[in-house]
Amino acid sequence: MANPTDIDIDYVANLARLALTAQEKETFSRQLGDVLRYVEKLGEVDVSQVEPTAHAFPLCNIWADDVPQPGLSVEAALRNAPEQRDNMVVVPIVVE
């Protein structure tokens, strides 16, 4: 399955919206083949005695309390704005 010659690198590049050179296609095809061979090898591991888990260790109380805090001043918020007007960031029109 993971034979690099079996990988349609043009299809994969199109899905990722990438324009690849011939050299990149050769390199990435080989690398993708290596990744797929490794994943295939992982499938051979006996995990029948391993309990399914979402995390390697238990998580509890991971959320911080929602406590209101002062925000940025208008000046600080606009400090790096490329353009501003009336205390607001000016952005290009994207919908007309």
PDB file of N, CA and C in Angstrom:
ATOM      1  N   MET A   1       0.815  -1.200   0.000  1.00  0.00           N
ATOM      2  CA  MET A   1       0.000   0.000   0.000  1.00  0.00           C
ATOM      3  C   MET A   1       0.855   1.259   0.000  1.00  0.00           C
ATOM      4  N   ALA A   2       1.877   1.343   0.794  1.00  0.00           N
ATOM      5  CA  ALA A   2       2.629   2.575   0.975  1.00  0.00           C
ATOM      6  C   ALA A   2       3.776   2.708  -0.021  1.00  0.00           C
ATOM      7  N   ASN A   3       3.719   1.977  -1.090  1.00  0.00           N
ATOM      8  CA  ASN A   3       4.745   2.080  -2.100  1.00  0.00           C
ATOM      9  C   ASN A   3       4.667   3.456  -2.753  1.00  0.00           C
ATOM     10  N   PRO A   4       5.754   4.228  -2.748  1.00  0.00           N
ATOM     11  CA  PRO A   4       5.716   5.579  -3.306  1.00  0.00           C
ATOM     12  C   PRO A   4       5.239   5.624  -4.751  1.00  0.00           C
ATOM     13  N   THR A   5       5.432   4.536  -5.498  1.00  0.00           N
ATOM     14  CA  THR A   5       4.960   4.546  -6.880  1.00  0.00           C
ATOM     15  C   THR A   5       3.445   4.441  -6.954  1.00  0.00           C
ATOM     16  N   ASP A   6       2.805   4.019  -5.865  1.00  0.00           N
ATOM     17  CA  ASP A   6       1.352   3.906  -5.829  1.00  0.00           C
ATOM     18  C   ASP A   6       0.677   5.204  -5.407  1.00  0.00           C
ATOM     19  N   ILE A   7       1.450   6.182  -4.966  1.00  0.00           N
ATOM     20  CA  ILE A   7       0.889   7.431  -4.465  1.00  0.00           C
ATOM     21  C   ILE A   7       0.687   8.395  -5.625  1.00  0.00           C
ATOM     22  N   ASP A   8      -0.527   8.900  -5.772  1.00  0.00           N
ATOM     23  CA  ASP A   8      -0.820   9.901  -6.795  1.00  0.00           C
ATOM     24  C   ASP A   8      -0.502  11.265  -6.203  1.00  0.00           C
ATOM     25  N   ILE A   9       0.765  11.645  -6.299  1.00  0.00           N
ATOM     26  CA  ILE A   9       1.227  12.888  -5.671  1.00  0.00           C
ATOM     27  C   ILE A   9       0.564  14.108  -6.296  1.00  0.00           C
ATOM     28  N   ASP A  10       0.188  14.028  -7.556  1.00  0.00           N
ATOM     29  CA  ASP A  10      -0.518  15.146  -8.192  1.00  0.00           C
ATOM     30  C   ASP A  10      -1.878  15.358  -7.540  1.00  0.00           C
ATOM     31  N   TYR A  11      -2.560  14.255  -7.228  1.00  0.00           N
ATOM     32  CA  TYR A  11      -3.859  14.343  -6.560  1.00  0.00           C
ATOM     33  C   TYR A  11      -3.714  14.927  -5.156  1.00  0.00           C
ATOM     34  N   VAL A  12      -2.709  14.460  -4.420  1.00  0.00           N
ATOM     35  CA  VAL A  12      -2.464  14.952  -3.066  1.00  0.00           C
ATOM     36  C   VAL A  12      -2.100  16.441  -3.108  1.00  0.00           C
ATOM     37  N   ALA A  13      -1.243  16.827  -4.041  1.00  0.00           N
ATOM     38  CA  ALA A  13      -0.848  18.234  -4.166  1.00  0.00           C
ATOM     39  C   ALA A  13      -2.051  19.097  -4.518  1.00  0.00           C
ATOM     40  N   ASN A  14      -2.928  18.600  -5.373  1.00  0.00           N
ATOM     41  CA  ASN A  14      -4.130  19.348  -5.731  1.00  0.00           C
ATOM     42  C   ASN A  14      -5.037  19.535  -4.517  1.00  0.00           C
ATOM     43  N   LEU A  15      -5.188  18.503  -3.708  1.00  0.00           N
ATOM     44  CA  LEU A  15      -6.000  18.623  -2.494  1.00  0.00           C
ATOM     45  C   LEU A  15      -5.446  19.688  -1.567  1.00  0.00           C
ATOM     46  N   ALA A  16      -4.124  19.775  -1.494  1.00  0.00           N
ATOM     47  CA  ALA A  16      -3.467  20.742  -0.613  1.00  0.00           C
ATOM     48  C   ALA A  16      -3.264  22.091  -1.306  1.00  0.00           C
ATOM     49  N   ARG A  17      -3.701  22.179  -2.556  1.00  0.00           N
ATOM     50  CA  ARG A  17      -3.555  23.411  -3.341  1.00  0.00           C
ATOM     51  C   ARG A  17      -2.084  23.821  -3.449  1.00  0.00           C
ATOM     52  N   LEU A  18      -1.234  22.827  -3.767  1.00  0.00           N
ATOM     53  CA  LEU A  18       0.196  23.069  -3.904  1.00  0.00           C
ATOM     54  C   LEU A  18       0.627  22.876  -5.348  1.00  0.00           C
ATOM     55  N   ALA A  19       1.482  23.739  -5.817  1.00  0.00           N
ATOM     56  CA  ALA A  19       2.107  23.575  -7.129  1.00  0.00           C
ATOM     57  C   ALA A  19       3.517  23.063  -6.860  1.00  0.00           C
ATOM     58  N   LEU A  20       3.777  21.830  -7.256  1.00  0.00           N
ATOM     59  CA  LEU A  20       5.064  21.203  -6.951  1.00  0.00           C
ATOM     60  C   LEU A  20       5.909  21.050  -8.202  1.00  0.00           C
ATOM     61  N   THR A  21       7.209  21.224  -8.032  1.00  0.00           N
ATOM     62  CA  THR A  21       8.145  20.953  -9.119  1.00  0.00           C
ATOM     63  C   THR A  21       8.324  19.441  -9.220  1.00  0.00           C
ATOM     64  N   ALA A  22       8.954  18.999 -10.307  1.00  0.00           N
ATOM     65  CA  ALA A  22       9.204  17.563 -10.481  1.00  0.00           C
ATOM     66  C   ALA A  22      10.064  17.021  -9.340  1.00  0.00           C
ATOM     67  N   GLN A  23      11.058  17.796  -8.919  1.00  0.00           N
ATOM     68  CA  GLN A  23      11.930  17.376  -7.808  1.00  0.00           C
ATOM     69  C   GLN A  23      11.137  17.274  -6.510  1.00  0.00           C
ATOM     70  N   GLU A  24      10.268  18.251  -6.243  1.00  0.00           N
ATOM     71  CA  GLU A  24       9.443  18.223  -5.027  1.00  0.00           C
ATOM     72  C   GLU A  24       8.489  17.037  -5.054  1.00  0.00           C
ATOM     73  N   LYS A  25       7.922  16.745  -6.220  1.00  0.00           N
ATOM     74  CA  LYS A  25       7.012  15.600  -6.340  1.00  0.00           C
ATOM     75  C   LYS A  25       7.740  14.308  -5.985  1.00  0.00           C
ATOM     76  N   GLU A  26       8.962  14.164  -6.495  1.00  0.00           N
ATOM     77  CA  GLU A  26       9.739  12.962  -6.204  1.00  0.00           C
ATOM     78  C   GLU A  26      10.055  12.869  -4.707  1.00  0.00           C
ATOM     79  N   THR A  27      10.512  13.984  -4.125  1.00  0.00           N
ATOM     80  CA  THR A  27      10.876  14.014  -2.707  1.00  0.00           C
ATOM     81  C   THR A  27       9.662  13.746  -1.819  1.00  0.00           C
ATOM     82  N   PHE A  28       8.574  14.471  -2.061  1.00  0.00           N
ATOM     83  CA  PHE A  28       7.391  14.341  -1.209  1.00  0.00           C
ATOM     84  C   PHE A  28       6.711  12.991  -1.390  1.00  0.00           C
ATOM     85  N   SER A  29       6.757  12.447  -2.590  1.00  0.00           N
ATOM     86  CA  SER A  29       6.182  11.124  -2.822  1.00  0.00           C
ATOM     87  C   SER A  29       6.922  10.080  -1.991  1.00  0.00           C
ATOM     88  N   ARG A  30       8.248  10.174  -1.983  1.00  0.00           N
ATOM     89  CA  ARG A  30       9.070   9.243  -1.184  1.00  0.00           C
ATOM     90  C   ARG A  30       8.780   9.430   0.307  1.00  0.00           C
ATOM     91  N   GLN A  31       8.726  10.697   0.765  1.00  0.00           N
ATOM     92  CA  GLN A  31       8.480  10.965   2.179  1.00  0.00           C
ATOM     93  C   GLN A  31       7.086  10.493   2.597  1.00  0.00           C
ATOM     94  N   LEU A  32       6.091  10.747   1.769  1.00  0.00           N
ATOM     95  CA  LEU A  32       4.731  10.301   2.081  1.00  0.00           C
ATOM     96  C   LEU A  32       4.665   8.772   2.120  1.00  0.00           C
ATOM     97  N   GLY A  33       5.392   8.136   1.218  1.00  0.00           N
ATOM     98  CA  GLY A  33       5.468   6.674   1.234  1.00  0.00           C
ATOM     99  C   GLY A  33       6.077   6.164   2.529  1.00  0.00           C
ATOM    100  N   ASP A  34       7.117   6.843   3.009  1.00  0.00           N
ATOM    101  CA  ASP A  34       7.743   6.460   4.280  1.00  0.00           C
ATOM    102  C   ASP A  34       6.761   6.586   5.439  1.00  0.00           C
ATOM    103  N   VAL A  35       5.998   7.674   5.451  1.00  0.00           N
ATOM    104  CA  VAL A  35       5.006   7.896   6.516  1.00  0.00           C
ATOM    105  C   VAL A  35       3.943   6.797   6.468  1.00  0.00           C
ATOM    106  N   LEU A  36       3.455   6.492   5.275  1.00  0.00           N
ATOM    107  CA  LEU A  36       2.413   5.466   5.156  1.00  0.00           C
ATOM    108  C   LEU A  36       2.935   4.088   5.557  1.00  0.00           C
ATOM    109  N   ARG A  37       4.183   3.785   5.213  1.00  0.00           N
ATOM    110  CA  ARG A  37       4.767   2.497   5.647  1.00  0.00           C
ATOM    111  C   ARG A  37       4.848   2.431   7.174  1.00  0.00           C
ATOM    112  N   TYR A  38       5.199   3.545   7.814  1.00  0.00           N
ATOM    113  CA  TYR A  38       5.291   3.575   9.271  1.00  0.00           C
ATOM    114  C   TYR A  38       3.907   3.379   9.898  1.00  0.00           C
ATOM    115  N   VAL A  39       2.900   4.047   9.355  1.00  0.00           N
ATOM    116  CA  VAL A  39       1.539   3.892   9.869  1.00  0.00           C
ATOM    117  C   VAL A  39       1.083   2.446   9.685  1.00  0.00           C
ATOM    118  N   GLU A  40       1.418   1.861   8.561  1.00  0.00           N
ATOM    119  CA  GLU A  40       1.080   0.460   8.307  1.00  0.00           C
ATOM    120  C   GLU A  40       1.737  -0.445   9.355  1.00  0.00           C
ATOM    121  N   LYS A  41       2.980  -0.146   9.701  1.00  0.00           N
ATOM    122  CA  LYS A  41       3.706  -0.925  10.711  1.00  0.00           C
ATOM    123  C   LYS A  41       3.042  -0.786  12.084  1.00  0.00           C
ATOM    124  N   LEU A  42       2.555   0.416  12.407  1.00  0.00           N
ATOM    125  CA  LEU A  42       1.862   0.620  13.683  1.00  0.00           C
ATOM    126  C   LEU A  42       0.601  -0.243  13.775  1.00  0.00           C
ATOM    127  N   GLY A  43      -0.014  -0.521  12.639  1.00  0.00           N
ATOM    128  CA  GLY A  43      -1.202  -1.359  12.624  1.00  0.00           C
ATOM    129  C   GLY A  43      -0.932  -2.794  13.039  1.00  0.00           C
ATOM    130  N   GLU A  44       0.319  -3.198  13.025  1.00  0.00           N
ATOM    131  CA  GLU A  44       0.685  -4.562  13.420  1.00  0.00           C
ATOM    132  C   GLU A  44       0.804  -4.726  14.934  1.00  0.00           C
ATOM    133  N   VAL A  45       0.811  -3.631  15.675  1.00  0.00           N
ATOM    134  CA  VAL A  45       0.995  -3.685  17.127  1.00  0.00           C
ATOM    135  C   VAL A  45      -0.279  -4.219  17.785  1.00  0.00           C
ATOM    136  N   ASP A  46      -0.117  -5.159  18.709  1.00  0.00           N
ATOM    137  CA  ASP A  46      -1.255  -5.711  19.440  1.00  0.00           C
ATOM    138  C   ASP A  46      -1.672  -4.735  20.539  1.00  0.00           C
ATOM    139  N   VAL A  47      -2.823  -4.123  20.368  1.00  0.00           N
ATOM    140  CA  VAL A  47      -3.333  -3.174  21.362  1.00  0.00           C
ATOM    141  C   VAL A  47      -4.606  -3.711  22.016  1.00  0.00           C
ATOM    142  N   SER A  48      -4.816  -4.999  21.918  1.00  0.00           N
ATOM    143  CA  SER A  48      -6.044  -5.582  22.455  1.00  0.00           C
ATOM    144  C   SER A  48      -6.165  -5.419  23.970  1.00  0.00           C
ATOM    145  N   GLN A  49      -5.049  -5.306  24.656  1.00  0.00           N
ATOM    146  CA  GLN A  49      -5.074  -5.153  26.111  1.00  0.00           C
ATOM    147  C   GLN A  49      -4.933  -3.691  26.555  1.00  0.00           C
ATOM    148  N   VAL A  50      -4.960  -2.771  25.603  1.00  0.00           N
ATOM    149  CA  VAL A  50      -4.809  -1.351  25.920  1.00  0.00           C
ATOM    150  C   VAL A  50      -6.181  -0.703  25.947  1.00  0.00           C
ATOM    151  N   GLU A  51      -6.498  -0.072  27.060  1.00  0.00           N
ATOM    152  CA  GLU A  51      -7.789   0.583  27.204  1.00  0.00           C
ATOM    153  C   GLU A  51      -7.800   1.881  26.392  1.00  0.00           C
ATOM    154  N   PRO A  52      -8.871   2.110  25.621  1.00  0.00           N
ATOM    155  CA  PRO A  52      -8.944   3.352  24.841  1.00  0.00           C
ATOM    156  C   PRO A  52      -8.924   4.569  25.757  1.00  0.00           C
ATOM    157  N   THR A  53      -8.246   5.606  25.307  1.00  0.00           N
ATOM    158  CA  THR A  53      -8.164   6.819  26.099  1.00  0.00           C
ATOM    159  C   THR A  53      -8.013   8.014  25.166  1.00  0.00           C
ATOM    160  N   ALA A  54      -8.486   9.157  25.610  1.00  0.00           N
ATOM    161  CA  ALA A  54      -8.358  10.377  24.818  1.00  0.00           C
ATOM    162  C   ALA A  54      -7.119  11.159  25.219  1.00  0.00           C
ATOM    163  N   HIS A  55      -6.629  10.918  26.433  1.00  0.00           N
ATOM    164  CA  HIS A  55      -5.464  11.638  26.934  1.00  0.00           C
ATOM    165  C   HIS A  55      -4.517  10.661  27.621  1.00  0.00           C
ATOM    166  N   ALA A  56      -3.251  11.014  27.618  1.00  0.00           N
ATOM    167  CA  ALA A  56      -2.252  10.144  28.233  1.00  0.00           C
ATOM    168  C   ALA A  56      -2.361  10.138  29.749  1.00  0.00           C
ATOM    169  N   PHE A  57      -2.940  11.190  30.316  1.00  0.00           N
ATOM    170  CA  PHE A  57      -3.136  11.260  31.764  1.00  0.00           C
ATOM    171  C   PHE A  57      -4.467  11.955  32.022  1.00  0.00           C
ATOM    172  N   PRO A  58      -5.076  11.703  33.174  1.00  0.00           N
ATOM    173  CA  PRO A  58      -6.389  12.272  33.461  1.00  0.00           C
ATOM    174  C   PRO A  58      -6.350  13.802  33.519  1.00  0.00           C
ATOM    175  N   LEU A  59      -7.380  14.398  32.967  1.00  0.00           N
ATOM    176  CA  LEU A  59      -7.503  15.854  33.020  1.00  0.00           C
ATOM    177  C   LEU A  59      -8.721  16.208  33.855  1.00  0.00           C
ATOM    178  N   CYS A  60      -8.547  17.092  34.800  1.00  0.00           N
ATOM    179  CA  CYS A  60      -9.680  17.572  35.567  1.00  0.00           C
ATOM    180  C   CYS A  60      -9.418  19.015  35.968  1.00  0.00           C
ATOM    181  N   ASN A  61     -10.477  19.772  36.052  1.00  0.00           N
ATOM    182  CA  ASN A  61     -10.367  21.180  36.429  1.00  0.00           C
ATOM    183  C   ASN A  61      -9.326  21.914  35.582  1.00  0.00           C
ATOM    184  N   ILE A  62      -9.434  21.736  34.267  1.00  0.00           N
ATOM    185  CA  ILE A  62      -8.445  22.360  33.392  1.00  0.00           C
ATOM    186  C   ILE A  62      -8.810  23.792  33.026  1.00  0.00           C
ATOM    187  N   TRP A  63     -10.002  24.213  33.364  1.00  0.00           N
ATOM    188  CA  TRP A  63     -10.434  25.561  33.023  1.00  0.00           C
ATOM    189  C   TRP A  63     -10.120  26.537  34.156  1.00  0.00           C
ATOM    190  N   ALA A  64      -9.643  27.683  33.792  1.00  0.00           N
ATOM    191  CA  ALA A  64      -9.415  28.742  34.773  1.00  0.00           C
ATOM    192  C   ALA A  64     -10.750  29.410  35.064  1.00  0.00           C
ATOM    193  N   ASP A  65     -10.871  29.986  36.237  1.00  0.00           N
ATOM    194  CA  ASP A  65     -12.089  30.708  36.573  1.00  0.00           C
ATOM    195  C   ASP A  65     -12.266  31.878  35.617  1.00  0.00           C
ATOM    196  N   ASP A  66     -13.511  32.128  35.229  1.00  0.00           N
ATOM    197  CA  ASP A  66     -13.837  33.224  34.332  1.00  0.00           C
ATOM    198  C   ASP A  66     -13.997  34.485  35.167  1.00  0.00           C
ATOM    199  N   VAL A  67     -12.898  35.203  35.323  1.00  0.00           N
ATOM    200  CA  VAL A  67     -12.882  36.393  36.157  1.00  0.00           C
ATOM    201  C   VAL A  67     -12.658  37.605  35.254  1.00  0.00           C
ATOM    202  N   PRO A  68     -13.551  38.599  35.311  1.00  0.00           N
ATOM    203  CA  PRO A  68     -13.338  39.789  34.475  1.00  0.00           C
ATOM    204  C   PRO A  68     -12.030  40.484  34.839  1.00  0.00           C
ATOM    205  N   GLN A  69     -11.329  40.917  33.817  1.00  0.00           N
ATOM    206  CA  GLN A  69     -10.076  41.635  34.009  1.00  0.00           C
ATOM    207  C   GLN A  69     -10.073  42.839  33.080  1.00  0.00           C
ATOM    208  N   PRO A  70      -9.347  43.871  33.437  1.00  0.00           N
ATOM    209  CA  PRO A  70      -9.300  45.034  32.553  1.00  0.00           C
ATOM    210  C   PRO A  70      -8.703  44.656  31.205  1.00  0.00           C
ATOM    211  N   GLY A  71      -9.241  45.224  30.128  1.00  0.00           N
ATOM    212  CA  GLY A  71      -8.740  44.961  28.784  1.00  0.00           C
ATOM    213  C   GLY A  71      -7.715  45.998  28.373  1.00  0.00           C
ATOM    214  N   LEU A  72      -7.409  46.011  27.102  1.00  0.00           N
ATOM    215  CA  LEU A  72      -6.457  46.976  26.564  1.00  0.00           C
ATOM    216  C   LEU A  72      -7.098  48.354  26.465  1.00  0.00           C
ATOM    217  N   SER A  73      -6.293  49.366  26.607  1.00  0.00           N
ATOM    218  CA  SER A  73      -6.785  50.714  26.347  1.00  0.00           C
ATOM    219  C   SER A  73      -6.955  50.865  24.835  1.00  0.00           C
ATOM    220  N   VAL A  74      -7.738  51.831  24.413  1.00  0.00           N
ATOM    221  CA  VAL A  74      -7.942  52.068  22.985  1.00  0.00           C
ATOM    222  C   VAL A  74      -6.600  52.320  22.307  1.00  0.00           C
ATOM    223  N   GLU A  75      -5.750  53.106  22.934  1.00  0.00           N
ATOM    224  CA  GLU A  75      -4.446  53.420  22.355  1.00  0.00           C
ATOM    225  C   GLU A  75      -3.600  52.155  22.172  1.00  0.00           C
ATOM    226  N   ALA A  76      -3.594  51.297  23.174  1.00  0.00           N
ATOM    227  CA  ALA A  76      -2.800  50.069  23.096  1.00  0.00           C
ATOM    228  C   ALA A  76      -3.358  49.128  22.032  1.00  0.00           C
ATOM    229  N   ALA A  77      -4.696  49.049  21.933  1.00  0.00           N
ATOM    230  CA  ALA A  77      -5.318  48.164  20.956  1.00  0.00           C
ATOM    231  C   ALA A  77      -5.043  48.631  19.530  1.00  0.00           C
ATOM    232  N   LEU A  78      -4.948  49.927  19.326  1.00  0.00           N
ATOM    233  CA  LEU A  78      -4.737  50.473  17.985  1.00  0.00           C
ATOM    234  C   LEU A  78      -3.266  50.725  17.655  1.00  0.00           C
ATOM    235  N   ARG A  79      -2.390  50.455  18.593  1.00  0.00           N
ATOM    236  CA  ARG A  79      -0.972  50.783  18.431  1.00  0.00           C
ATOM    237  C   ARG A  79      -0.376  50.194  17.152  1.00  0.00           C
ATOM    238  N   ASN A  80      -0.691  48.958  16.818  1.00  0.00           N
ATOM    239  CA  ASN A  80      -0.109  48.306  15.637  1.00  0.00           C
ATOM    240  C   ASN A  80      -1.059  48.236  14.453  1.00  0.00           C
ATOM    241  N   ALA A  81      -2.191  48.915  14.534  1.00  0.00           N
ATOM    242  CA  ALA A  81      -3.140  48.902  13.421  1.00  0.00           C
ATOM    243  C   ALA A  81      -2.520  49.631  12.225  1.00  0.00           C
ATOM    244  N   PRO A  82      -2.566  49.014  11.041  1.00  0.00           N
ATOM    245  CA  PRO A  82      -1.975  49.670   9.880  1.00  0.00           C
ATOM    246  C   PRO A  82      -2.704  50.967   9.516  1.00  0.00           C
ATOM    247  N   GLU A  83      -4.006  51.007   9.785  1.00  0.00           N
ATOM    248  CA  GLU A  83      -4.784  52.216   9.525  1.00  0.00           C
ATOM    249  C   GLU A  83      -5.906  52.285  10.551  1.00  0.00           C
ATOM    250  N   GLN A  84      -6.220  53.493  11.024  1.00  0.00           N
ATOM    251  CA  GLN A  84      -7.284  53.643  12.019  1.00  0.00           C
ATOM    252  C   GLN A  84      -8.057  54.926  11.762  1.00  0.00           C
ATOM    253  N   ARG A  85      -9.312  54.907  12.207  1.00  0.00           N
ATOM    254  CA  ARG A  85     -10.165  56.075  12.077  1.00  0.00           C
ATOM    255  C   ARG A  85     -11.210  56.023  13.179  1.00  0.00           C
ATOM    256  N   ASP A  86     -11.432  57.121  13.880  1.00  0.00           N
ATOM    257  CA  ASP A  86     -12.434  57.221  14.943  1.00  0.00           C
ATOM    258  C   ASP A  86     -12.300  56.102  15.977  1.00  0.00           C
ATOM    259  N   ASN A  87     -11.066  55.834  16.421  1.00  0.00           N
ATOM    260  CA  ASN A  87     -10.790  54.798  17.419  1.00  0.00           C
ATOM    261  C   ASN A  87     -11.181  53.397  16.962  1.00  0.00           C
ATOM    262  N   MET A  88     -11.096  53.152  15.650  1.00  0.00           N
ATOM    263  CA  MET A  88     -11.394  51.836  15.111  1.00  0.00           C
ATOM    264  C   MET A  88     -10.300  51.468  14.094  1.00  0.00           C
ATOM    265  N   VAL A  89     -10.108  50.165  13.900  1.00  0.00           N
ATOM    266  CA  VAL A  89      -9.170  49.683  12.902  1.00  0.00           C
ATOM    267  C   VAL A  89      -9.871  49.724  11.551  1.00  0.00           C
ATOM    268  N   VAL A  90      -9.231  50.296  10.539  1.00  0.00           N
ATOM    269  CA  VAL A  90      -9.787  50.337   9.194  1.00  0.00           C
ATOM    270  C   VAL A  90      -9.270  49.107   8.452  1.00  0.00           C
ATOM    271  N   VAL A  91     -10.203  48.342   7.867  1.00  0.00           N
ATOM    272  CA  VAL A  91      -9.851  47.139   7.131  1.00  0.00           C
ATOM    273  C   VAL A  91     -10.386  47.256   5.706  1.00  0.00           C
ATOM    274  N   PRO A  92      -9.795  46.498   4.770  1.00  0.00           N
ATOM    275  CA  PRO A  92     -10.291  46.553   3.392  1.00  0.00           C
ATOM    276  C   PRO A  92     -11.717  46.000   3.302  1.00  0.00           C
ATOM    277  N   ILE A  93     -12.481  46.530   2.365  1.00  0.00           N
ATOM    278  CA  ILE A  93     -13.839  46.026   2.118  1.00  0.00           C
ATOM    279  C   ILE A  93     -13.724  44.647   1.472  1.00  0.00           C
ATOM    280  N   VAL A  94     -14.410  43.672   2.028  1.00  0.00           N
ATOM    281  CA  VAL A  94     -14.378  42.322   1.463  1.00  0.00           C
ATOM    282  C   VAL A  94     -15.732  41.919   0.870  1.00  0.00           C
ATOM    283  N   VAL A  95     -16.781  42.608   1.230  1.00  0.00           N
ATOM    284  CA  VAL A  95     -18.112  42.330   0.694  1.00  0.00           C
ATOM    285  C   VAL A  95     -18.723  43.655   0.280  1.00  0.00           C
ATOM    286  N   GLU A  96     -19.235  43.677  -0.935  1.00  0.00           N
ATOM    287  CA  GLU A  96     -19.889  44.910  -1.384  1.00  0.00           C
ATOM    288  C   GLU A  96     -21.383  44.706  -1.500  1.00  0.00           C
TER     289      GLU A  96
END
